[in-house]
Amino acid sequence: MKPENIIVKTNGYLRLIDMGTAKFMQRKSPGDVIRTFTVLGSPHYLAPEIMEGKGYSFEVDIYSLGK
């Protein structure tokens, strides 16, 4: 996620846009570890795990918010 993917509506609410590369990931049971290996996104906002190709999970979204 990057600033360009967030707009402010006239009522002041935020809306996420451009989710064309989003991937739905769901745990089958509470202790499952979910990983994906898809490499997509703007290089400046990619977490190191994505660039290294070792697989990643939801944490990379938090990383991109801090950029």
Protein backbone atom coordinates (compact mmCIF):
# COMPACT_ATOMS: atom_id res chain seq x y z
CA MET A 1 0.00 0.00 0.00
CA LYS A 2 1.27 3.46 -0.83
CA PRO A 3 -0.09 7.01 -0.46
CA GLU A 4 -1.20 7.02 -4.09
CA ASN A 5 -3.65 4.21 -3.24
CA ILE A 6 -5.54 6.26 -0.65
CA ILE A 7 -8.03 9.00 -1.47
CA VAL A 8 -10.04 11.25 0.85
CA LYS A 9 -13.71 11.43 0.03
CA THR A 10 -15.67 14.66 0.32
CA ASN A 11 -17.14 13.45 3.64
CA GLY A 12 -13.62 13.04 5.06
CA TYR A 13 -13.51 9.23 4.96
CA LEU A 14 -10.53 7.45 3.44
CA ARG A 15 -10.96 5.00 0.60
CA LEU A 16 -8.43 2.46 -0.63
CA ILE A 17 -8.16 2.27 -4.41
CA ASP A 18 -6.25 0.29 -7.05
CA MET A 19 -6.47 -3.15 -5.49
CA GLY A 20 -5.92 -4.87 -8.84
CA THR A 21 -2.88 -6.71 -7.51
CA ALA A 22 -4.41 -7.64 -4.15
CA LYS A 23 -4.35 -11.29 -3.17
CA PHE A 24 -6.88 -12.95 -0.88
CA MET A 25 -5.11 -15.10 1.70
CA GLN A 26 -7.02 -17.10 4.31
CA ARG A 27 -5.93 -19.38 7.14
CA LYS A 28 -7.40 -22.87 7.15
CA SER A 29 -6.95 -23.15 10.92
CA PRO A 30 -5.90 -20.62 13.60
CA GLY A 31 -2.24 -21.72 13.83
CA ASP A 32 -1.53 -21.86 10.10
CA VAL A 33 1.30 -19.77 8.67
CA ILE A 34 0.33 -18.17 5.39
CA ARG A 35 3.01 -17.25 2.88
CA THR A 36 2.97 -16.14 -0.73
CA PHE A 37 5.81 -15.69 -3.18
CA THR A 38 4.22 -13.27 -5.66
CA VAL A 39 6.48 -10.32 -6.47
CA LEU A 40 4.35 -7.31 -7.42
CA GLY A 41 4.33 -3.70 -6.38
CA SER A 42 6.22 -0.44 -6.49
CA PRO A 43 9.88 -1.15 -5.66
CA HIS A 44 10.18 1.77 -3.22
CA TYR A 45 7.41 0.29 -1.03
CA LEU A 46 8.38 -3.40 -1.16
CA ALA A 47 9.48 -5.02 2.08
CA PRO A 48 12.86 -6.81 2.08
CA GLU A 49 11.12 -10.20 2.36
CA ILE A 50 9.47 -9.64 -1.00
CA MET A 51 12.70 -8.61 -2.69
CA GLU A 52 14.55 -11.64 -1.25
CA GLY A 53 11.95 -14.06 -2.64
CA LYS A 54 11.71 -16.04 0.61
CA GLY A 55 7.95 -15.75 0.92
CA TYR A 56 5.99 -13.27 2.97
CA SER A 57 2.71 -12.69 4.76
CA PHE A 58 0.55 -9.84 6.01
CA GLU A 59 3.42 -8.09 7.79
CA VAL A 60 4.70 -6.60 4.54
CA ASP A 61 1.65 -4.31 4.46
CA ILE A 62 2.73 -2.79 7.78
CA TYR A 63 6.22 -2.24 6.36
CA SER A 64 4.84 -0.37 3.35
CA LEU A 65 2.78 1.93 5.59
CA GLY A 66 5.97 3.04 7.37
CA LYS A 67 7.72 4.09 4.18
